[in-house]
PDB file of N, CA and C in Angstrom:
ATOM      1  N   HIS A   1     -53.052  23.670 116.422  1.00  0.00           N
ATOM      2  CA  HIS A   1     -53.615  23.478 117.883  1.00  0.00           C
ATOM      3  C   HIS A   1     -55.021  23.286 117.807  1.00  0.00           C
ATOM      4  N   ASP A   2     -55.645  23.004 116.969  1.00  0.00           N
ATOM      5  CA  ASP A   2     -57.173  22.994 116.978  1.00  0.00           C
ATOM      6  C   ASP A   2     -57.461  21.699 117.818  1.00  0.00           C
ATOM      7  N   GLY A   3     -56.809  20.465 117.477  1.00  0.00           N
ATOM      8  CA  GLY A   3     -57.092  19.249 117.953  1.00  0.00           C
ATOM      9  C   GLY A   3     -56.950  19.321 119.459  1.00  0.00           C
ATOM     10  N   TYR A   4     -55.823  20.045 119.966  1.00  0.00           N
ATOM     11  CA  TYR A   4     -55.556  20.273 121.266  1.00  0.00           C
ATOM     12  C   TYR A   4     -56.509  21.193 122.012  1.00  0.00           C
ATOM     13  N   ALA A   5     -57.203  22.017 121.252  1.00  0.00           N
ATOM     14  CA  ALA A   5     -58.116  22.906 122.150  1.00  0.00           C
ATOM     15  C   ALA A   5     -59.193  22.290 122.907  1.00  0.00           C
ATOM     16  N   ALA A   6     -59.689  21.238 122.193  1.00  0.00           N
ATOM     17  CA  ALA A   6     -60.820  20.411 122.785  1.00  0.00           C
ATOM     18  C   ALA A   6     -60.247  19.635 123.895  1.00  0.00           C
ATOM     19  N   SER A   7     -59.189  19.088 123.928  1.00  0.00           N
ATOM     20  CA  SER A   7     -58.516  18.231 125.192  1.00  0.00           C
ATOM     21  C   SER A   7     -58.260  19.172 126.040  1.00  0.00           C
ATOM     22  N   GLY A   8     -57.478  20.389 125.803  1.00  0.00           N
ATOM     23  CA  GLY A   8     -57.074  21.404 126.759  1.00  0.00           C
ATOM     24  C   GLY A   8     -58.325  21.806 127.618  1.00  0.00           C
ATOM     25  N   LEU A   9     -59.503  21.966 126.788  1.00  0.00           N
ATOM     26  CA  LEU A   9     -60.703  22.404 127.420  1.00  0.00           C
ATOM     27  C   LEU A   9     -61.052  21.386 128.525  1.00  0.00           C
ATOM     28  N   ARG A  10     -61.056  20.125 128.309  1.00  0.00           N
ATOM     29  CA  ARG A  10     -61.415  19.016 129.404  1.00  0.00           C
ATOM     30  C   ARG A  10     -60.484  19.131 130.390  1.00  0.00           C
ATOM     31  N   LEU A  11     -59.120  19.446 130.075  1.00  0.00           N
ATOM     32  CA  LEU A  11     -57.968  19.532 131.222  1.00  0.00           C
ATOM     33  C   LEU A  11     -58.472  20.811 132.159  1.00  0.00           C
ATOM     34  N   LEU A  12     -58.857  21.867 131.540  1.00  0.00           N
ATOM     35  CA  LEU A  12     -59.078  22.950 132.284  1.00  0.00           C
ATOM     36  C   LEU A  12     -60.383  22.728 133.239  1.00  0.00           C
ATOM     37  N   ARG A  13     -61.359  22.264 132.697  1.00  0.00           N
ATOM     38  CA  ARG A  13     -62.469  21.938 133.391  1.00  0.00           C
ATOM     39  C   ARG A  13     -62.208  20.975 134.717  1.00  0.00           C
ATOM     40  N   THR A  14     -61.279  20.110 134.416  1.00  0.00           N
ATOM     41  CA  THR A  14     -61.253  19.173 135.665  1.00  0.00           C
ATOM     42  C   THR A  14     -60.440  19.727 136.658  1.00  0.00           C
ATOM     43  N   THR A  15     -59.701  21.062 136.513  1.00  0.00           N
ATOM     44  CA  THR A  15     -58.917  21.601 137.657  1.00  0.00           C
ATOM     45  C   THR A  15     -59.574  22.905 138.001  1.00  0.00           C
ATOM     46  N   SER A  16     -60.881  23.106 137.522  1.00  0.00           N
ATOM     47  CA  SER A  16     -61.400  24.386 137.750  1.00  0.00           C
ATOM     48  C   SER A  16     -60.578  25.503 137.339  1.00  0.00           C
ATOM     49  N   LEU A  17     -59.904  25.359 136.034  1.00  0.00           N
ATOM     50  CA  LEU A  17     -59.358  26.605 135.488  1.00  0.00           C
ATOM     51  C   LEU A  17     -60.438  26.825 134.600  1.00  0.00           C
ATOM     52  N   ARG A  18     -60.861  28.203 134.568  1.00  0.00           N
ATOM     53  CA  ARG A  18     -62.000  28.534 133.960  1.00  0.00           C
ATOM     54  C   ARG A  18     -62.062  29.313 132.742  1.00  0.00           C
ATOM     55  N   PHE A  19     -62.036  28.662 131.699  1.00  0.00           N
ATOM     56  CA  PHE A  19     -62.068  29.399 130.353  1.00  0.00           C
ATOM     57  C   PHE A  19     -63.053  28.517 129.468  1.00  0.00           C
ATOM     58  N   THR A  20     -63.886  29.358 128.685  1.00  0.00           N
ATOM     59  CA  THR A  20     -64.708  28.638 127.730  1.00  0.00           C
ATOM     60  C   THR A  20     -63.707  28.206 126.305  1.00  0.00           C
ATOM     61  N   PHE A  21     -64.448  27.439 125.594  1.00  0.00           N
ATOM     62  CA  PHE A  21     -63.786  26.939 124.302  1.00  0.00           C
ATOM     63  C   PHE A  21     -63.305  28.002 123.530  1.00  0.00           C
ATOM     64  N   HIS A  22     -64.377  29.234 123.401  1.00  0.00           N
ATOM     65  CA  HIS A  22     -63.879  30.346 122.665  1.00  0.00           C
ATOM     66  C   HIS A  22     -62.853  31.145 123.230  1.00  0.00           C
ATOM     67  N   GLY A  23     -62.900  31.150 124.678  1.00  0.00           N
ATOM     68  CA  GLY A  23     -61.903  31.937 125.390  1.00  0.00           C
ATOM     69  C   GLY A  23     -60.344  31.212 125.340  1.00  0.00           C
ATOM     70  N   TRP A  24     -60.385  29.754 125.378  1.00  0.00           N
ATOM     71  CA  TRP A  24     -59.148  29.031 125.056  1.00  0.00           C
ATOM     72  C   TRP A  24     -58.570  29.350 123.674  1.00  0.00           C
ATOM     73  N   GLN A  25     -59.278  29.332 122.790  1.00  0.00           N
ATOM     74  CA  GLN A  25     -58.719  29.553 121.213  1.00  0.00           C
ATOM     75  C   GLN A  25     -58.333  30.860 121.297  1.00  0.00           C
ATOM     76  N   ARG A  26     -58.957  31.734 121.763  1.00  0.00           N
ATOM     77  CA  ARG A  26     -58.711  33.296 121.639  1.00  0.00           C
ATOM     78  C   ARG A  26     -57.301  33.658 122.507  1.00  0.00           C
ATOM     79  N   LEU A  27     -57.278  32.893 123.554  1.00  0.00           N
ATOM     80  CA  LEU A  27     -55.942  33.182 124.422  1.00  0.00           C
ATOM     81  C   LEU A  27     -54.780  32.418 123.977  1.00  0.00           C
ATOM     82  N   GLY A  28     -55.000  31.010 123.355  1.00  0.00           N
ATOM     83  CA  GLY A  28     -54.014  30.213 122.866  1.00  0.00           C
ATOM     84  C   GLY A  28     -52.642  30.482 123.343  1.00  0.00           C
ATOM     85  N   ASP A  29     -51.571  30.857 122.607  1.00  0.00           N
ATOM     86  CA  ASP A  29     -50.308  30.789 122.880  1.00  0.00           C
ATOM     87  C   ASP A  29     -49.909  31.969 124.160  1.00  0.00           C
ATOM     88  N   ASP A  30     -50.818  33.246 124.033  1.00  0.00           N
ATOM     89  CA  ASP A  30     -50.631  34.159 125.141  1.00  0.00           C
ATOM     90  C   ASP A  30     -50.901  33.527 126.569  1.00  0.00           C
ATOM     91  N   TYR A  31     -51.957  32.583 126.583  1.00  0.00           N
ATOM     92  CA  TYR A  31     -52.601  31.967 127.858  1.00  0.00           C
ATOM     93  C   TYR A  31     -51.306  31.104 128.282  1.00  0.00           C
ATOM     94  N   ILE A  32     -50.738  30.311 127.186  1.00  0.00           N
ATOM     95  CA  ILE A  32     -49.895  29.188 127.409  1.00  0.00           C
ATOM     96  C   ILE A  32     -48.463  30.050 128.188  1.00  0.00           C
ATOM     97  N   GLU A  33     -48.116  31.243 127.665  1.00  0.00           N
ATOM     98  CA  GLU A  33     -47.049  32.019 128.155  1.00  0.00           C
ATOM     99  C   GLU A  33     -47.233  32.483 129.376  1.00  0.00           C
ATOM    100  N   LEU A  34     -48.326  32.605 130.213  1.00  0.00           N
ATOM    101  CA  LEU A  34     -48.500  32.865 131.650  1.00  0.00           C
ATOM    102  C   LEU A  34     -48.078  31.900 132.701  1.00  0.00           C
ATOM    103  N   PHE A  35     -47.958  30.555 132.053  1.00  0.00           N
ATOM    104  CA  PHE A  35     -47.870  29.394 133.119  1.00  0.00           C
ATOM    105  C   PHE A  35     -46.448  29.673 133.680  1.00  0.00           C
ATOM    106  N   PRO A  36     -45.315  29.844 133.183  1.00  0.00           N
ATOM    107  CA  PRO A  36     -44.041  29.907 133.761  1.00  0.00           C
ATOM    108  C   PRO A  36     -44.125  31.008 134.853  1.00  0.00           C
ATOM    109  N   ALA A  37     -44.644  32.122 134.531  1.00  0.00           N
ATOM    110  CA  ALA A  37     -44.657  33.374 135.348  1.00  0.00           C
ATOM    111  C   ALA A  37     -45.631  32.893 136.491  1.00  0.00           C
ATOM    112  N   PHE A  38     -46.680  32.184 136.294  1.00  0.00           N
ATOM    113  CA  PHE A  38     -47.460  31.692 137.421  1.00  0.00           C
ATOM    114  C   PHE A  38     -46.676  30.803 138.541  1.00  0.00           C
ATOM    115  N   PHE A  39     -45.974  29.690 137.806  1.00  0.00           N
ATOM    116  CA  PHE A  39     -45.147  28.817 138.551  1.00  0.00           C
ATOM    117  C   PHE A  39     -44.323  29.740 139.428  1.00  0.00           C
ATOM    118  N   ASP A  40     -43.414  30.465 138.999  1.00  0.00           N
ATOM    119  CA  ASP A  40     -42.379  31.246 139.621  1.00  0.00           C
ATOM    120  C   ASP A  40     -43.018  32.321 140.724  1.00  0.00           C
ATOM    121  N   SER A  41     -43.966  32.920 140.234  1.00  0.00           N
ATOM    122  CA  SER A  41     -44.859  33.672 141.434  1.00  0.00           C
ATOM    123  C   SER A  41     -45.439  33.130 142.268  1.00  0.00           C
ATOM    124  N   PHE A  42     -46.049  32.055 142.095  1.00  0.00           N
ATOM    125  CA  PHE A  42     -46.869  31.327 143.096  1.00  0.00           C
ATOM    126  C   PHE A  42     -45.834  30.584 144.155  1.00  0.00           C
ATOM    127  N   SER A  43     -44.727  29.952 143.574  1.00  0.00           N
ATOM    128  CA  SER A  43     -43.839  29.332 144.421  1.00  0.00           C
ATOM    129  C   SER A  43     -43.078  30.167 145.155  1.00  0.00           C
ATOM    130  N   SER A  44     -42.643  31.414 144.847  1.00  0.00           N
ATOM    131  CA  SER A  44     -41.696  32.420 145.527  1.00  0.00           C
ATOM    132  C   SER A  44     -42.676  32.934 146.509  1.00  0.00           C
ATOM    133  N   LEU A  45     -44.123  33.325 146.447  1.00  0.00           N
ATOM    134  CA  LEU A  45     -44.916  33.807 147.253  1.00  0.00           C
ATOM    135  C   LEU A  45     -45.197  32.697 148.354  1.00  0.00           C
ATOM    136  N   ARG A  46     -45.412  31.460 148.054  1.00  0.00           N
ATOM    137  CA  ARG A  46     -45.727  30.332 148.944  1.00  0.00           C
ATOM    138  C   ARG A  46     -44.493  30.020 150.065  1.00  0.00           C
ATOM    139  N   ALA A  47     -43.459  30.218 149.462  1.00  0.00           N
ATOM    140  CA  ALA A  47     -41.951  30.043 150.270  1.00  0.00           C
ATOM    141  C   ALA A  47     -42.101  31.179 151.286  1.00  0.00           C
ATOM    142  N   ILE A  48     -42.434  32.313 151.218  1.00  0.00           N
ATOM    143  CA  ILE A  48     -42.321  33.450 152.147  1.00  0.00           C
ATOM    144  C   ILE A  48     -43.378  33.615 153.287  1.00  0.00           C
ATOM    145  N   LEU A  49     -44.601  32.587 152.863  1.00  0.00           N
ATOM    146  CA  LEU A  49     -45.809  32.607 153.646  1.00  0.00           C
ATOM    147  C   LEU A  49     -45.520  32.155 155.175  1.00  0.00           C
ATOM    148  N   PRO A  50     -44.861  31.227 155.382  1.00  0.00           N
ATOM    149  CA  PRO A  50     -44.770  30.663 156.608  1.00  0.00           C
ATOM    150  C   PRO A  50     -43.986  31.719 157.734  1.00  0.00           C
ATOM    151  N   SER A  51     -43.106  32.369 157.076  1.00  0.00           N
ATOM    152  CA  SER A  51     -42.199  33.354 157.848  1.00  0.00           C
ATOM    153  C   SER A  51     -43.132  34.430 158.295  1.00  0.00           C
ATOM    154  N   ALA A  52     -44.031  34.941 157.313  1.00  0.00           N
ATOM    155  CA  ALA A  52     -45.167  35.918 157.791  1.00  0.00           C
ATOM    156  C   ALA A  52     -46.057  35.464 158.792  1.00  0.00           C
ATOM    157  N   LEU A  53     -46.353  34.083 158.632  1.00  0.00           N
ATOM    158  CA  LEU A  53     -47.419  33.386 159.685  1.00  0.00           C
ATOM    159  C   LEU A  53     -46.600  33.511 161.004  1.00  0.00           C
ATOM    160  N   GLU A  54     -45.584  32.902 160.948  1.00  0.00           N
ATOM    161  CA  GLU A  54     -44.797  32.803 162.218  1.00  0.00           C
ATOM    162  C   GLU A  54     -44.647  33.954 162.826  1.00  0.00           C
ATOM    163  N   ASN A  55     -44.352  35.139 162.274  1.00  0.00           N
ATOM    164  CA  ASN A  55     -43.861  36.633 162.782  1.00  0.00           C
ATOM    165  C   ASN A  55     -45.388  37.088 163.021  1.00  0.00           C
ATOM    166  N   LYS A  56     -46.434  36.484 162.707  1.00  0.00           N
ATOM    167  CA  LYS A  56     -47.905  37.067 163.012  1.00  0.00           C
ATOM    168  C   LYS A  56     -48.024  38.411 162.455  1.00  0.00           C
ATOM    169  N   ASN A  57     -47.376  38.578 161.250  1.00  0.00           N
ATOM    170  CA  ASN A  57     -47.412  39.805 160.485  1.00  0.00           C
ATOM    171  C   ASN A  57     -48.630  39.632 159.635  1.00  0.00           C
ATOM    172  N   HIS A  58     -50.007  40.359 159.937  1.00  0.00           N
ATOM    173  CA  HIS A  58     -51.210  40.187 159.300  1.00  0.00           C
ATOM    174  C   HIS A  58     -51.095  40.977 158.084  1.00  0.00           C
ATOM    175  N   ALA A  59     -50.352  42.136 157.703  1.00  0.00           N
ATOM    176  CA  ALA A  59     -50.452  42.846 156.847  1.00  0.00           C
ATOM    177  C   ALA A  59     -49.504  42.056 155.717  1.00  0.00           C
ATOM    178  N   GLU A  60     -48.465  41.387 156.029  1.00  0.00           N
ATOM    179  CA  GLU A  60     -47.578  40.762 155.130  1.00  0.00           C
ATOM    180  C   GLU A  60     -48.449  39.324 154.891  1.00  0.00           C
ATOM    181  N   VAL A  61     -49.171  38.796 155.551  1.00  0.00           N
ATOM    182  CA  VAL A  61     -49.815  37.724 155.262  1.00  0.00           C
ATOM    183  C   VAL A  61     -50.960  37.870 154.304  1.00  0.00           C
ATOM    184  N   ARG A  62     -51.609  39.221 154.534  1.00  0.00           N
ATOM    185  CA  ARG A  62     -52.586  39.489 153.620  1.00  0.00           C
ATOM    186  C   ARG A  62     -52.164  39.885 152.155  1.00  0.00           C
ATOM    187  N   ARG A  63     -51.120  40.591 152.072  1.00  0.00           N
ATOM    188  CA  ARG A  63     -50.408  40.894 150.916  1.00  0.00           C
ATOM    189  C   ARG A  63     -50.214  39.656 150.140  1.00  0.00           C
ATOM    190  N   ILE A  64     -49.412  38.755 150.657  1.00  0.00           N
ATOM    191  CA  ILE A  64     -48.912  37.450 150.097  1.00  0.00           C
ATOM    192  C   ILE A  64     -50.369  36.834 149.676  1.00  0.00           C
ATOM    193  N   THR A  65     -51.160  36.466 150.509  1.00  0.00           N
ATOM    194  CA  THR A  65     -52.289  35.791 150.180  1.00  0.00           C
ATOM    195  C   THR A  65     -53.163  36.716 148.836  1.00  0.00           C
ATOM    196  N   HIS A  66     -53.053  37.888 149.055  1.00  0.00           N
ATOM    197  CA  HIS A  66     -54.003  38.758 147.876  1.00  0.00           C
ATOM    198  C   HIS A  66     -53.106  38.317 146.617  1.00  0.00           C
ATOM    199  N   SER A  67     -51.729  38.419 146.521  1.00  0.00           N
ATOM    200  CA  SER A  67     -50.957  38.083 145.464  1.00  0.00           C
ATOM    201  C   SER A  67     -51.125  36.689 144.941  1.00  0.00           C
ATOM    202  N   LEU A  68     -51.225  35.713 145.903  1.00  0.00           N
ATOM    203  CA  LEU A  68     -51.430  34.301 145.678  1.00  0.00           C
ATOM    204  C   LEU A  68     -52.921  34.056 144.827  1.00  0.00           C
ATOM    205  N   LYS A  69     -53.823  34.895 145.212  1.00  0.00           N
ATOM    206  CA  LYS A  69     -55.106  34.928 144.773  1.00  0.00           C
ATOM    207  C   LYS A  69     -55.051  35.455 143.193  1.00  0.00           C
ATOM    208  N   SER A  70     -54.336  36.608 143.097  1.00  0.00           N
ATOM    209  CA  SER A  70     -54.250  37.330 141.836  1.00  0.00           C
ATOM    210  C   SER A  70     -53.593  36.340 140.887  1.00  0.00           C
ATOM    211  N   ALA A  71     -52.484  35.641 141.272  1.00  0.00           N
ATOM    212  CA  ALA A  71     -51.694  34.937 140.330  1.00  0.00           C
ATOM    213  C   ALA A  71     -52.673  33.598 139.762  1.00  0.00           C
ATOM    214  N   SER A  72     -53.340  33.088 140.872  1.00  0.00           N
ATOM    215  CA  SER A  72     -54.210  32.021 140.427  1.00  0.00           C
ATOM    216  C   SER A  72     -55.256  32.491 139.354  1.00  0.00           C
ATOM    217  N   ASN A  73     -55.812  33.695 139.593  1.00  0.00           N
ATOM    218  CA  ASN A  73     -56.885  34.081 138.871  1.00  0.00           C
ATOM    219  C   ASN A  73     -56.414  34.414 137.427  1.00  0.00           C
ATOM    220  N   ASN A  74     -55.130  34.684 137.406  1.00  0.00           N
ATOM    221  CA  ASN A  74     -54.505  34.998 136.080  1.00  0.00           C
ATOM    222  C   ASN A  74     -54.414  33.832 135.173  1.00  0.00           C
ATOM    223  N   VAL A  75     -54.395  32.554 135.738  1.00  0.00           N
ATOM    224  CA  VAL A  75     -54.381  31.389 134.973  1.00  0.00           C
ATOM    225  C   VAL A  75     -55.642  30.768 134.889  1.00  0.00           C
ATOM    226  N   GLY A  76     -56.724  31.332 135.601  1.00  0.00           N
ATOM    227  CA  GLY A  76     -58.095  30.847 135.751  1.00  0.00           C
ATOM    228  C   GLY A  76     -58.280  29.799 136.594  1.00  0.00           C
ATOM    229  N   ALA A  77     -57.295  29.548 137.694  1.00  0.00           N
ATOM    230  CA  ALA A  77     -57.384  28.432 138.603  1.00  0.00           C
ATOM    231  C   ALA A  77     -58.336  28.930 139.639  1.00  0.00           C
ATOM    232  N   VAL A  78     -59.659  28.779 139.533  1.00  0.00           N
ATOM    233  CA  VAL A  78     -60.749  29.557 140.417  1.00  0.00           C
ATOM    234  C   VAL A  78     -60.613  28.726 141.889  1.00  0.00           C
ATOM    235  N   ARG A  79     -60.542  27.399 141.968  1.00  0.00           N
ATOM    236  CA  ARG A  79     -60.555  26.864 143.282  1.00  0.00           C
ATOM    237  C   ARG A  79     -59.287  27.402 143.995  1.00  0.00           C
ATOM    238  N   LEU A  80     -58.197  27.625 143.424  1.00  0.00           N
ATOM    239  CA  LEU A  80     -56.944  27.877 144.096  1.00  0.00           C
ATOM    240  C   LEU A  80     -57.154  29.261 144.567  1.00  0.00           C
ATOM    241  N   ALA A  81     -57.665  30.207 143.634  1.00  0.00           N
ATOM    242  CA  ALA A  81     -57.789  31.649 143.960  1.00  0.00           C
ATOM    243  C   ALA A  81     -58.850  31.637 145.112  1.00  0.00           C
ATOM    244  N   LYS A  82     -59.885  30.940 145.130  1.00  0.00           N
ATOM    245  CA  LYS A  82     -60.830  31.035 146.181  1.00  0.00           C
ATOM    246  C   LYS A  82     -60.286  30.656 147.507  1.00  0.00           C
ATOM    247  N   ILE A  83     -59.234  29.613 147.631  1.00  0.00           N
ATOM    248  CA  ILE A  83     -58.569  29.277 148.841  1.00  0.00           C
ATOM    249  C   ILE A  83     -57.638  30.492 149.377  1.00  0.00           C
ATOM    250  N   ALA A  84     -57.012  31.109 148.314  1.00  0.00           N
ATOM    251  CA  ALA A  84     -56.124  32.087 148.700  1.00  0.00           C
ATOM    252  C   ALA A  84     -57.151  33.363 149.149  1.00  0.00           C
ATOM    253  N   GLN A  85     -58.366  33.432 148.665  1.00  0.00           N
ATOM    254  CA  GLN A  85     -58.962  34.642 149.054  1.00  0.00           C
ATOM    255  C   GLN A  85     -59.503  34.372 150.453  1.00  0.00           C
ATOM    256  N   ASP A  86     -59.944  33.234 150.780  1.00  0.00           N
ATOM    257  CA  ASP A  86     -60.351  32.882 152.015  1.00  0.00           C
ATOM    258  C   ASP A  86     -59.293  33.127 152.927  1.00  0.00           C
ATOM    259  N   MET A  87     -58.003  32.728 152.698  1.00  0.00           N
ATOM    260  CA  MET A  87     -56.718  32.915 153.502  1.00  0.00           C
ATOM    261  C   MET A  87     -56.648  34.631 153.935  1.00  0.00           C
ATOM    262  N   GLU A  88     -56.682  35.096 152.719  1.00  0.00           N
ATOM    263  CA  GLU A  88     -56.562  36.692 152.635  1.00  0.00           C
ATOM    264  C   GLU A  88     -57.567  37.180 153.662  1.00  0.00           C
ATOM    265  N   GLN A  89     -58.964  36.855 153.598  1.00  0.00           N
ATOM    266  CA  GLN A  89     -59.911  37.186 154.567  1.00  0.00           C
ATOM    267  C   GLN A  89     -59.455  36.962 156.151  1.00  0.00           C
ATOM    268  N   ASP A  90     -58.940  35.695 156.171  1.00  0.00           N
ATOM    269  CA  ASP A  90     -58.353  35.223 157.472  1.00  0.00           C
ATOM    270  C   ASP A  90     -57.461  36.166 157.805  1.00  0.00           C
ATOM    271  N   ALA A  91     -56.641  36.627 157.251  1.00  0.00           N
ATOM    272  CA  ALA A  91     -55.651  37.958 157.609  1.00  0.00           C
ATOM    273  C   ALA A  91     -56.263  39.140 157.908  1.00  0.00           C
ATOM    274  N   VAL A  92     -57.262  39.386 157.103  1.00  0.00           N
ATOM    275  CA  VAL A  92     -57.819  40.796 157.468  1.00  0.00           C
ATOM    276  C   VAL A  92     -58.456  40.683 158.692  1.00  0.00           C
ATOM    277  N   GLU A  93     -59.178  39.491 159.284  1.00  0.00           N
ATOM    278  CA  GLU A  93     -59.754  39.290 160.393  1.00  0.00           C
ATOM    279  C   GLU A  93     -58.839  38.837 161.584  1.00  0.00           C
ATOM    280  N   GLU A  94     -57.487  38.885 161.192  1.00  0.00           N
ATOM    281  CA  GLU A  94     -56.565  38.610 162.049  1.00  0.00           C
ATOM    282  C   GLU A  94     -56.615  37.071 162.699  1.00  0.00           C
ATOM    283  N   ASN A  95     -57.029  36.128 161.942  1.00  0.00           N
ATOM    284  CA  ASN A  95     -57.187  35.064 162.457  1.00  0.00           C
ATOM    285  C   ASN A  95     -56.150  34.005 161.468  1.00  0.00           C
ATOM    286  N   LEU A  96     -54.918  34.206 162.024  1.00  0.00           N
ATOM    287  CA  LEU A  96     -53.829  33.566 161.371  1.00  0.00           C
ATOM    288  C   LEU A  96     -53.689  32.033 161.378  1.00  0.00           C
ATOM    289  N   ALA A  97     -54.317  31.558 162.500  1.00  0.00           N
ATOM    290  CA  ALA A  97     -54.498  30.308 162.892  1.00  0.00           C
ATOM    291  C   ALA A  97     -55.396  29.527 161.799  1.00  0.00           C
ATOM    292  N   GLN A  98     -56.273  30.224 161.174  1.00  0.00           N
ATOM    293  CA  GLN A  98     -57.221  29.717 160.377  1.00  0.00           C
ATOM    294  C   GLN A  98     -56.430  29.664 159.071  1.00  0.00           C
ATOM    295  N   THR A  99     -55.640  30.723 158.660  1.00  0.00           N
ATOM    296  CA  THR A  99     -54.777  30.883 157.631  1.00  0.00           C
ATOM    297  C   THR A  99     -53.810  29.624 157.641  1.00  0.00           C
ATOM    298  N   GLN A 100     -53.227  29.280 158.776  1.00  0.00           N
ATOM    299  CA  GLN A 100     -52.172  28.284 158.848  1.00  0.00           C
ATOM    300  C   GLN A 100     -53.034  26.876 158.528  1.00  0.00           C
ATOM    301  N   ASP A 101     -54.205  26.715 158.793  1.00  0.00           N
ATOM    302  CA  ASP A 101     -54.959  25.406 158.664  1.00  0.00           C
ATOM    303  C   ASP A 101     -55.290  25.387 157.305  1.00  0.00           C
ATOM    304  N   ARG A 102     -55.313  26.341 156.588  1.00  0.00           N
ATOM    305  CA  ARG A 102     -55.670  26.177 155.264  1.00  0.00           C
ATOM    306  C   ARG A 102     -54.537  25.842 154.278  1.00  0.00           C
ATOM    307  N   LEU A 103     -53.310  25.835 154.880  1.00  0.00           N
ATOM    308  CA  LEU A 103     -51.860  25.717 153.984  1.00  0.00           C
ATOM    309  C   LEU A 103     -52.080  24.403 153.276  1.00  0.00           C
ATOM    310  N   PRO A 104     -52.517  23.251 154.068  1.00  0.00           N
ATOM    311  CA  PRO A 104     -52.621  21.866 153.305  1.00  0.00           C
ATOM    312  C   PRO A 104     -53.514  21.868 152.079  1.00  0.00           C
ATOM    313  N   GLN A 105     -54.578  22.620 152.232  1.00  0.00           N
ATOM    314  CA  GLN A 105     -55.712  22.626 151.063  1.00  0.00           C
ATOM    315  C   GLN A 105     -55.046  23.564 150.110  1.00  0.00           C
ATOM    316  N   LEU A 106     -54.483  24.729 150.364  1.00  0.00           N
ATOM    317  CA  LEU A 106     -53.717  25.366 149.351  1.00  0.00           C
ATOM    318  C   LEU A 106     -52.758  24.549 148.504  1.00  0.00           C
ATOM    319  N   ASP A 107     -51.801  23.930 149.158  1.00  0.00           N
ATOM    320  CA  ASP A 107     -50.767  23.047 148.629  1.00  0.00           C
ATOM    321  C   ASP A 107     -51.347  22.106 147.635  1.00  0.00           C
ATOM    322  N   ALA A 108     -52.327  21.424 148.312  1.00  0.00           N
ATOM    323  CA  ALA A 108     -52.973  20.358 147.267  1.00  0.00           C
ATOM    324  C   ALA A 108     -53.470  20.573 146.121  1.00  0.00           C
ATOM    325  N   GLU A 109     -54.310  21.947 146.282  1.00  0.00           N
ATOM    326  CA  GLU A 109     -54.915  22.475 145.097  1.00  0.00           C
ATOM    327  C   GLU A 109     -53.862  22.961 144.039  1.00  0.00           C
ATOM    328  N   ALA A 110     -52.926  23.611 144.400  1.00  0.00           N
ATOM    329  CA  ALA A 110     -51.733  24.183 143.771  1.00  0.00           C
ATOM    330  C   ALA A 110     -51.117  23.184 142.860  1.00  0.00           C
ATOM    331  N   GLN A 111     -50.999  22.065 143.830  1.00  0.00           N
ATOM    332  CA  GLN A 111     -50.191  20.854 142.799  1.00  0.00           C
ATOM    333  C   GLN A 111     -51.024  20.452 141.668  1.00  0.00           C
ATOM    334  N   LYS A 112     -52.514  20.202 141.853  1.00  0.00           N
ATOM    335  CA  LYS A 112     -53.333  19.827 140.818  1.00  0.00           C
ATOM    336  C   LYS A 112     -53.238  20.774 139.752  1.00  0.00           C
ATOM    337  N   VAL A 113     -53.270  22.102 140.077  1.00  0.00           N
ATOM    338  CA  VAL A 113     -53.302  22.962 139.063  1.00  0.00           C
ATOM    339  C   VAL A 113     -51.771  23.166 138.197  1.00  0.00           C
ATOM    340  N   LYS A 114     -50.719  22.916 139.073  1.00  0.00           N
ATOM    341  CA  LYS A 114     -49.601  22.850 138.248  1.00  0.00           C
ATOM    342  C   LYS A 114     -49.325  21.596 137.425  1.00  0.00           C
ATOM    343  N   ASP A 115     -49.841  20.523 137.969  1.00  0.00           N
ATOM    344  CA  ASP A 115     -49.869  19.340 137.197  1.00  0.00           C
ATOM    345  C   ASP A 115     -50.565  19.676 135.816  1.00  0.00           C
ATOM    346  N   ARG A 116     -51.812  19.894 135.865  1.00  0.00           N
ATOM    347  CA  ARG A 116     -52.482  20.108 134.697  1.00  0.00           C
ATOM    348  C   ARG A 116     -52.086  21.175 133.861  1.00  0.00           C
ATOM    349  N   LEU A 117     -51.374  22.291 134.504  1.00  0.00           N
ATOM    350  CA  LEU A 117     -50.853  23.374 133.412  1.00  0.00           C
ATOM    351  C   LEU A 117     -49.394  22.626 132.745  1.00  0.00           C
ATOM    352  N   ASN A 118     -48.843  21.984 133.323  1.00  0.00           N
ATOM    353  CA  ASN A 118     -47.725  21.049 132.875  1.00  0.00           C
ATOM    354  C   ASN A 118     -48.271  20.208 131.662  1.00  0.00           C
ATOM    355  N   GLU A 119     -49.390  19.554 131.914  1.00  0.00           N
ATOM    356  CA  GLU A 119     -49.748  18.795 130.779  1.00  0.00           C
ATOM    357  C   GLU A 119     -50.181  19.622 129.724  1.00  0.00           C
ATOM    358  N   ILE A 120     -50.932  20.568 129.819  1.00  0.00           N
ATOM    359  CA  ILE A 120     -51.472  21.411 128.860  1.00  0.00           C
ATOM    360  C   ILE A 120     -49.998  21.884 127.949  1.00  0.00           C
ATOM    361  N   ILE A 121     -49.146  22.361 128.771  1.00  0.00           N
ATOM    362  CA  ILE A 121     -47.559  22.891 128.258  1.00  0.00           C
ATOM    363  C   ILE A 121     -47.185  21.652 127.316  1.00  0.00           C
ATOM    364  N   SER A 122     -47.039  20.527 127.772  1.00  0.00           N
ATOM    365  CA  SER A 122     -46.552  19.464 127.167  1.00  0.00           C
ATOM    366  C   SER A 122     -47.236  19.035 125.955  1.00  0.00           C
ATOM    367  N   ALA A 123     -48.536  19.240 125.872  1.00  0.00           N
ATOM    368  CA  ALA A 123     -49.418  18.583 124.755  1.00  0.00           C
ATOM    369  C   ALA A 123     -49.468  19.873 123.664  1.00  0.00           C
ATOM    370  N   TYR A 124     -49.187  21.064 124.008  1.00  0.00           N
ATOM    371  CA  TYR A 124     -49.258  22.190 123.388  1.00  0.00           C
ATOM    372  C   TYR A 124     -48.458  22.311 122.309  1.00  0.00           C
TER     373      TYR A 124
END
């Protein structure tokens, strides 16, 4: 896996996945094993978010966005985590219209992260 670590680092940097070269080597297989759980968790949470927004359930939106943030941080997706954090703060402030407005940004960044993680899995 040594040859892949360097190219993996480039992939990580291009999507704001935050790990140093040494961190990547240290995490290795354990890090890769997080990806399927991330995909499942993120997709499930994202699927229930529209209903919580439609019902104006601030507490549920906050819980969901907090979990999206945590899942993103678990794989080092800092941009995605930041978007989810901003959405969580919107829910705390009961500004669900702003949360709704951030959905396209969340989805676009999530797709970038998923694409890169899949590239890493394929090359690993």
